[in-house]
């Protein structure tokens, strides 16, 4: 890995989990205050925003690889990383929209995924 692969946060170091969730809460509050559609429609639109962000990841990958011969190379892998971060932030804000306990819900889910995925494989029966 190069030094560009992991960049510290603007505050001088990686964001601590509490700071991450404080930021997610602040972004959620900002979006809630300015949203043109509330209720169920607002919730659905917030979740659909993920599809838009994932599409931007795909566009950046295609652009970084020069896969579109008409356009050539239009993006960098830094663009792909940035778009992936946008997906993560959008997902966390969408989760916060569904529950004020987003931090706990996400932590429990991540722990379950880790247990399931990182557990040692059971030995095969003879």
N, C-alpha and C. Protein backbone atom coordinates (compact mmCIF):
# COMPACT_ATOMS: atom_id res chain seq x y z
N UNK A 1 0.83 -1.18 0.00
CA UNK A 1 0.00 0.00 0.00
C UNK A 1 0.87 1.24 0.00
N UNK A 2 0.43 2.24 -0.74
CA UNK A 2 1.16 3.49 -0.75
C UNK A 2 0.59 4.42 0.30
N UNK A 3 1.28 5.53 0.55
CA UNK A 3 0.79 6.48 1.53
C UNK A 3 -0.52 7.11 1.10
N UNK A 4 -0.85 7.06 -0.19
CA UNK A 4 -2.11 7.63 -0.67
C UNK A 4 -3.30 6.70 -0.45
N UNK A 5 -3.04 5.44 -0.11
CA UNK A 5 -4.13 4.49 0.06
C UNK A 5 -4.93 4.74 1.34
N UNK A 6 -4.27 5.26 2.37
CA UNK A 6 -4.96 5.55 3.62
C UNK A 6 -4.62 6.98 4.00
N UNK A 7 -5.60 7.83 3.92
CA UNK A 7 -5.38 9.24 4.26
C UNK A 7 -6.05 9.55 5.58
N UNK A 8 -5.38 10.31 6.46
CA UNK A 8 -6.00 10.68 7.72
C UNK A 8 -7.14 11.66 7.49
N UNK A 9 -8.04 11.70 8.44
CA UNK A 9 -9.15 12.64 8.36
C UNK A 9 -8.63 14.07 8.45
N UNK A 10 -9.45 15.02 8.06
CA UNK A 10 -9.05 16.43 8.05
C UNK A 10 -8.65 16.92 9.44
N UNK A 11 -9.07 16.24 10.49
CA UNK A 11 -8.75 16.66 11.84
C UNK A 11 -7.37 16.19 12.26
N UNK A 12 -6.66 15.48 11.40
CA UNK A 12 -5.31 15.04 11.72
C UNK A 12 -5.20 13.55 11.99
N UNK A 13 -6.28 12.83 12.02
CA UNK A 13 -6.22 11.39 12.24
C UNK A 13 -7.52 10.75 11.82
N UNK A 14 -7.56 9.42 11.84
CA UNK A 14 -8.79 8.74 11.44
C UNK A 14 -9.94 9.12 12.37
N UNK A 15 -11.13 9.17 11.81
CA UNK A 15 -12.30 9.51 12.60
C UNK A 15 -12.61 8.38 13.58
N UNK A 16 -12.80 8.73 14.84
CA UNK A 16 -13.19 7.75 15.84
C UNK A 16 -14.64 7.37 15.61
N UNK A 17 -15.05 6.16 16.02
CA UNK A 17 -16.44 5.75 15.80
C UNK A 17 -17.46 6.76 16.32
N UNK A 18 -17.25 7.33 17.50
CA UNK A 18 -18.21 8.30 18.03
C UNK A 18 -18.27 9.53 17.13
N UNK A 19 -17.13 10.00 16.65
CA UNK A 19 -17.11 11.16 15.76
C UNK A 19 -17.81 10.83 14.45
N UNK A 20 -17.62 9.63 13.95
CA UNK A 20 -18.30 9.22 12.73
C UNK A 20 -19.81 9.31 12.91
N UNK A 21 -20.32 8.77 14.01
CA UNK A 21 -21.77 8.75 14.22
C UNK A 21 -22.30 10.13 14.56
N UNK A 22 -21.48 10.98 15.21
CA UNK A 22 -21.89 12.37 15.43
C UNK A 22 -22.05 13.07 14.08
N UNK A 23 -21.15 12.79 13.16
CA UNK A 23 -21.22 13.39 11.82
C UNK A 23 -22.42 12.85 11.06
N UNK A 24 -22.67 11.55 11.15
CA UNK A 24 -23.86 10.96 10.50
C UNK A 24 -25.12 11.61 11.05
N UNK A 25 -25.19 11.78 12.37
CA UNK A 25 -26.37 12.44 12.97
C UNK A 25 -26.51 13.87 12.47
N UNK A 26 -25.40 14.59 12.36
CA UNK A 26 -25.45 15.98 11.89
C UNK A 26 -25.90 16.04 10.43
N UNK A 27 -25.38 15.14 9.60
CA UNK A 27 -25.80 15.10 8.20
C UNK A 27 -27.28 14.75 8.09
N UNK A 28 -27.73 13.80 8.89
CA UNK A 28 -29.14 13.41 8.89
C UNK A 28 -30.01 14.61 9.27
N UNK A 29 -29.63 15.34 10.34
CA UNK A 29 -30.41 16.50 10.79
C UNK A 29 -30.45 17.58 9.70
N UNK A 30 -29.33 17.81 9.05
CA UNK A 30 -29.26 18.79 7.97
C UNK A 30 -30.19 18.40 6.82
N UNK A 31 -30.15 17.13 6.44
CA UNK A 31 -31.03 16.66 5.36
C UNK A 31 -32.50 16.73 5.77
N UNK A 32 -32.80 16.36 6.99
CA UNK A 32 -34.19 16.40 7.47
C UNK A 32 -34.73 17.83 7.44
N UNK A 33 -33.90 18.79 7.81
CA UNK A 33 -34.35 20.19 7.87
C UNK A 33 -34.65 20.74 6.48
N UNK A 34 -33.95 20.23 5.47
CA UNK A 34 -34.12 20.80 4.14
C UNK A 34 -34.81 19.93 3.13
N UNK A 35 -35.35 18.80 3.56
CA UNK A 35 -35.93 17.89 2.58
C UNK A 35 -37.27 18.39 2.06
N UNK A 36 -37.47 18.31 0.75
CA UNK A 36 -38.75 18.76 0.18
C UNK A 36 -39.87 17.74 0.36
N UNK A 37 -39.53 16.49 0.65
CA UNK A 37 -40.53 15.43 0.82
C UNK A 37 -40.28 14.76 2.15
N UNK A 38 -41.30 14.67 2.95
CA UNK A 38 -41.18 14.03 4.24
C UNK A 38 -41.90 12.70 4.28
N UNK A 39 -42.00 12.17 5.47
CA UNK A 39 -42.74 10.93 5.69
C UNK A 39 -42.17 9.76 4.91
N UNK A 40 -43.08 8.88 4.52
CA UNK A 40 -42.69 7.65 3.82
C UNK A 40 -41.99 7.97 2.49
N UNK A 41 -42.48 8.97 1.77
CA UNK A 41 -41.88 9.34 0.50
C UNK A 41 -40.43 9.82 0.70
N UNK A 42 -40.21 10.64 1.71
CA UNK A 42 -38.86 11.11 2.00
C UNK A 42 -37.93 9.97 2.36
N UNK A 43 -38.43 9.03 3.15
CA UNK A 43 -37.65 7.85 3.53
C UNK A 43 -37.27 7.04 2.30
N UNK A 44 -38.24 6.77 1.44
CA UNK A 44 -37.96 5.99 0.23
C UNK A 44 -36.96 6.69 -0.68
N UNK A 45 -37.09 8.00 -0.81
CA UNK A 45 -36.15 8.75 -1.65
C UNK A 45 -34.74 8.73 -1.05
N UNK A 46 -34.66 8.78 0.27
CA UNK A 46 -33.35 8.72 0.93
C UNK A 46 -32.68 7.38 0.67
N UNK A 47 -33.45 6.30 0.71
CA UNK A 47 -32.89 4.97 0.44
C UNK A 47 -32.53 4.84 -1.04
N UNK A 48 -33.37 5.37 -1.92
CA UNK A 48 -33.08 5.31 -3.36
C UNK A 48 -31.81 6.07 -3.73
N UNK A 49 -31.45 7.05 -2.93
CA UNK A 49 -30.22 7.81 -3.18
C UNK A 49 -29.02 6.87 -3.25
N UNK A 50 -29.09 5.75 -2.56
CA UNK A 50 -28.00 4.76 -2.63
C UNK A 50 -27.78 4.26 -4.05
N UNK A 51 -28.86 4.02 -4.78
CA UNK A 51 -28.73 3.55 -6.16
C UNK A 51 -27.99 4.57 -7.02
N UNK A 52 -28.31 5.83 -6.80
CA UNK A 52 -27.62 6.88 -7.55
C UNK A 52 -26.13 6.87 -7.24
N UNK A 53 -25.80 6.75 -5.96
CA UNK A 53 -24.39 6.76 -5.57
C UNK A 53 -23.63 5.53 -6.10
N UNK A 54 -24.28 4.37 -6.07
CA UNK A 54 -23.64 3.16 -6.62
C UNK A 54 -23.42 3.32 -8.12
N UNK A 55 -24.36 3.95 -8.81
CA UNK A 55 -24.18 4.23 -10.23
C UNK A 55 -22.97 5.11 -10.48
N UNK A 56 -22.73 6.06 -9.58
CA UNK A 56 -21.56 6.93 -9.72
C UNK A 56 -20.26 6.16 -9.50
N UNK A 57 -20.29 5.13 -8.65
CA UNK A 57 -19.11 4.25 -8.50
C UNK A 57 -18.85 3.54 -9.82
N UNK A 58 -19.91 2.98 -10.41
CA UNK A 58 -19.76 2.27 -11.69
C UNK A 58 -19.23 3.20 -12.76
N UNK A 59 -19.76 4.41 -12.82
CA UNK A 59 -19.29 5.38 -13.81
C UNK A 59 -17.81 5.69 -13.60
N UNK A 60 -17.39 5.83 -12.35
CA UNK A 60 -15.98 6.12 -12.06
C UNK A 60 -15.07 4.95 -12.43
N UNK A 61 -15.52 3.72 -12.16
CA UNK A 61 -14.71 2.54 -12.53
C UNK A 61 -14.58 2.46 -14.05
N UNK A 62 -15.68 2.65 -14.75
CA UNK A 62 -15.63 2.63 -16.22
C UNK A 62 -14.71 3.74 -16.72
N UNK A 63 -14.80 4.90 -16.11
CA UNK A 63 -13.94 6.01 -16.50
C UNK A 63 -12.47 5.79 -16.15
N UNK A 64 -12.21 5.15 -15.03
CA UNK A 64 -10.82 4.90 -14.62
C UNK A 64 -10.15 3.84 -15.49
N UNK A 65 -10.95 2.93 -16.02
CA UNK A 65 -10.39 1.86 -16.85
C UNK A 65 -10.42 2.20 -18.33
N UNK A 66 -11.04 3.33 -18.68
CA UNK A 66 -11.15 3.71 -20.08
C UNK A 66 -12.03 2.78 -20.87
N UNK A 67 -12.98 2.16 -20.20
CA UNK A 67 -13.81 1.13 -20.80
C UNK A 67 -14.76 1.67 -21.87
N UNK A 68 -15.09 2.96 -21.82
CA UNK A 68 -15.96 3.55 -22.84
C UNK A 68 -15.08 4.15 -23.93
N UNK A 69 -14.99 3.50 -25.11
CA UNK A 69 -14.08 3.99 -26.15
C UNK A 69 -14.42 5.38 -26.66
N UNK A 70 -15.66 5.78 -26.53
CA UNK A 70 -16.05 7.11 -26.98
C UNK A 70 -15.51 8.19 -26.05
N UNK A 71 -15.40 7.88 -24.76
CA UNK A 71 -14.97 8.87 -23.78
C UNK A 71 -13.52 8.70 -23.35
N UNK A 72 -13.00 7.47 -23.40
CA UNK A 72 -11.63 7.22 -22.95
C UNK A 72 -11.54 7.25 -21.43
N UNK A 73 -10.37 7.56 -20.91
CA UNK A 73 -10.15 7.60 -19.46
C UNK A 73 -10.62 8.95 -18.93
N UNK A 74 -11.65 8.92 -18.12
CA UNK A 74 -12.26 10.15 -17.62
C UNK A 74 -12.19 10.29 -16.11
N UNK A 75 -11.80 9.23 -15.41
CA UNK A 75 -11.75 9.23 -13.95
C UNK A 75 -10.43 8.61 -13.49
N UNK A 76 -10.16 8.76 -12.20
CA UNK A 76 -8.99 8.14 -11.58
C UNK A 76 -9.48 7.17 -10.50
N UNK A 77 -8.56 6.37 -9.98
CA UNK A 77 -8.94 5.47 -8.88
C UNK A 77 -9.22 6.27 -7.62
N UNK A 78 -8.67 7.47 -7.50
CA UNK A 78 -9.07 8.36 -6.39
C UNK A 78 -10.54 8.71 -6.51
N UNK A 79 -11.02 8.92 -7.74
CA UNK A 79 -12.45 9.18 -7.95
C UNK A 79 -13.28 7.99 -7.50
N UNK A 80 -12.82 6.78 -7.80
CA UNK A 80 -13.55 5.57 -7.39
C UNK A 80 -13.61 5.50 -5.87
N UNK A 81 -12.47 5.74 -5.21
CA UNK A 81 -12.45 5.72 -3.74
C UNK A 81 -13.44 6.75 -3.18
N UNK A 82 -13.43 7.94 -3.75
CA UNK A 82 -14.33 8.99 -3.28
C UNK A 82 -15.80 8.59 -3.44
N UNK A 83 -16.12 8.00 -4.57
CA UNK A 83 -17.50 7.57 -4.81
C UNK A 83 -17.90 6.44 -3.86
N UNK A 84 -16.97 5.54 -3.57
CA UNK A 84 -17.27 4.48 -2.60
C UNK A 84 -17.54 5.07 -1.22
N UNK A 85 -16.81 6.10 -0.86
CA UNK A 85 -17.06 6.78 0.42
C UNK A 85 -18.44 7.41 0.42
N UNK A 86 -18.83 7.99 -0.72
CA UNK A 86 -20.17 8.57 -0.82
C UNK A 86 -21.24 7.50 -0.61
N UNK A 87 -21.01 6.30 -1.13
CA UNK A 87 -21.96 5.19 -0.92
C UNK A 87 -22.06 4.87 0.57
N UNK A 88 -20.91 4.76 1.23
CA UNK A 88 -20.90 4.42 2.66
C UNK A 88 -21.62 5.49 3.48
N UNK A 89 -21.33 6.75 3.23
CA UNK A 89 -21.97 7.84 3.96
C UNK A 89 -23.48 7.84 3.71
N UNK A 90 -23.86 7.67 2.45
CA UNK A 90 -25.28 7.67 2.10
C UNK A 90 -26.00 6.51 2.79
N UNK A 91 -25.36 5.35 2.84
CA UNK A 91 -25.97 4.19 3.51
C UNK A 91 -26.12 4.44 5.01
N UNK A 92 -25.12 5.02 5.63
CA UNK A 92 -25.21 5.28 7.07
C UNK A 92 -26.29 6.32 7.38
N UNK A 93 -26.39 7.35 6.54
CA UNK A 93 -27.44 8.35 6.74
C UNK A 93 -28.82 7.72 6.50
N UNK A 94 -28.94 6.85 5.52
CA UNK A 94 -30.22 6.16 5.28
C UNK A 94 -30.58 5.29 6.48
N UNK A 95 -29.60 4.60 7.03
CA UNK A 95 -29.84 3.79 8.22
C UNK A 95 -30.28 4.68 9.38
N UNK A 96 -29.64 5.83 9.53
CA UNK A 96 -30.02 6.77 10.59
C UNK A 96 -31.45 7.28 10.37
N UNK A 97 -31.86 7.39 9.13
CA UNK A 97 -33.22 7.82 8.82
C UNK A 97 -34.23 6.76 9.29
N UNK A 98 -33.84 5.50 9.23
CA UNK A 98 -34.73 4.42 9.66
C UNK A 98 -34.78 4.27 11.17
N UNK A 99 -33.70 4.64 11.86
CA UNK A 99 -33.66 4.44 13.30
C UNK A 99 -32.69 5.41 13.96
N UNK A 100 -33.07 5.98 15.09
CA UNK A 100 -32.12 6.82 15.83
C UNK A 100 -31.00 5.99 16.46
N UNK A 101 -31.18 4.67 16.51
CA UNK A 101 -30.18 3.77 17.07
C UNK A 101 -29.28 3.19 15.99
N UNK A 102 -29.01 3.95 14.94
CA UNK A 102 -28.24 3.46 13.80
C UNK A 102 -26.88 2.92 14.22
N UNK A 103 -26.20 3.60 15.13
CA UNK A 103 -24.87 3.17 15.57
C UNK A 103 -24.94 1.75 16.15
N UNK A 104 -25.91 1.52 17.04
CA UNK A 104 -26.04 0.21 17.67
C UNK A 104 -26.46 -0.85 16.66
N UNK A 105 -27.41 -0.50 15.79
CA UNK A 105 -27.88 -1.44 14.76
C UNK A 105 -26.72 -1.84 13.85
N UNK A 106 -25.95 -0.86 13.41
CA UNK A 106 -24.83 -1.15 12.52
C UNK A 106 -23.76 -1.97 13.23
N UNK A 107 -23.44 -1.60 14.47
CA UNK A 107 -22.41 -2.33 15.22
C UNK A 107 -22.81 -3.79 15.41
N UNK A 108 -24.06 -4.03 15.79
CA UNK A 108 -24.53 -5.43 15.96
C UNK A 108 -24.46 -6.19 14.65
N UNK A 109 -24.86 -5.54 13.57
CA UNK A 109 -24.84 -6.21 12.27
C UNK A 109 -23.41 -6.52 11.84
N UNK A 110 -22.51 -5.55 12.00
CA UNK A 110 -21.11 -5.77 11.64
C UNK A 110 -20.50 -6.90 12.46
N UNK A 111 -20.82 -6.95 13.74
CA UNK A 111 -20.32 -8.04 14.59
C UNK A 111 -20.84 -9.39 14.11
N UNK A 112 -22.12 -9.45 13.72
CA UNK A 112 -22.69 -10.71 13.22
C UNK A 112 -22.03 -11.13 11.91
N UNK A 113 -21.80 -10.18 11.03
CA UNK A 113 -21.12 -10.49 9.76
C UNK A 113 -19.71 -10.98 10.04
N UNK A 114 -19.02 -10.33 10.95
CA UNK A 114 -17.65 -10.74 11.28
C UNK A 114 -17.63 -12.15 11.88
N UNK A 115 -18.55 -12.42 12.80
CA UNK A 115 -18.61 -13.77 13.39
C UNK A 115 -18.85 -14.82 12.31
N UNK A 116 -19.78 -14.53 11.43
CA UNK A 116 -20.14 -15.48 10.38
C UNK A 116 -19.02 -15.63 9.36
N UNK A 117 -18.39 -14.56 9.00
CA UNK A 117 -17.41 -14.58 7.92
C UNK A 117 -15.99 -14.89 8.37
N UNK A 118 -15.65 -14.49 9.58
CA UNK A 118 -14.26 -14.65 10.03
C UNK A 118 -14.07 -15.81 10.99
N UNK A 119 -15.14 -16.54 11.27
CA UNK A 119 -15.03 -17.70 12.16
C UNK A 119 -14.19 -18.77 11.46
N UNK A 120 -13.42 -19.49 12.25
CA UNK A 120 -12.64 -20.58 11.64
C UNK A 120 -13.57 -21.61 11.00
N UNK A 121 -13.15 -22.13 9.88
CA UNK A 121 -13.95 -23.14 9.18
C UNK A 121 -14.02 -24.40 10.02
N UNK A 122 -15.19 -25.01 10.05
CA UNK A 122 -15.36 -26.26 10.79
C UNK A 122 -14.61 -27.37 10.04
N UNK A 123 -13.93 -28.21 10.80
CA UNK A 123 -13.22 -29.31 10.14
C UNK A 123 -14.20 -30.25 9.43
N UNK A 124 -13.76 -30.76 8.31
CA UNK A 124 -14.61 -31.69 7.55
C UNK A 124 -14.65 -33.04 8.27
N UNK A 125 -15.82 -33.66 8.21
CA UNK A 125 -15.97 -34.98 8.82
C UNK A 125 -15.22 -36.00 7.99
N UNK A 126 -14.60 -36.97 8.67
CA UNK A 126 -13.84 -38.00 7.92
C UNK A 126 -14.71 -38.91 7.12
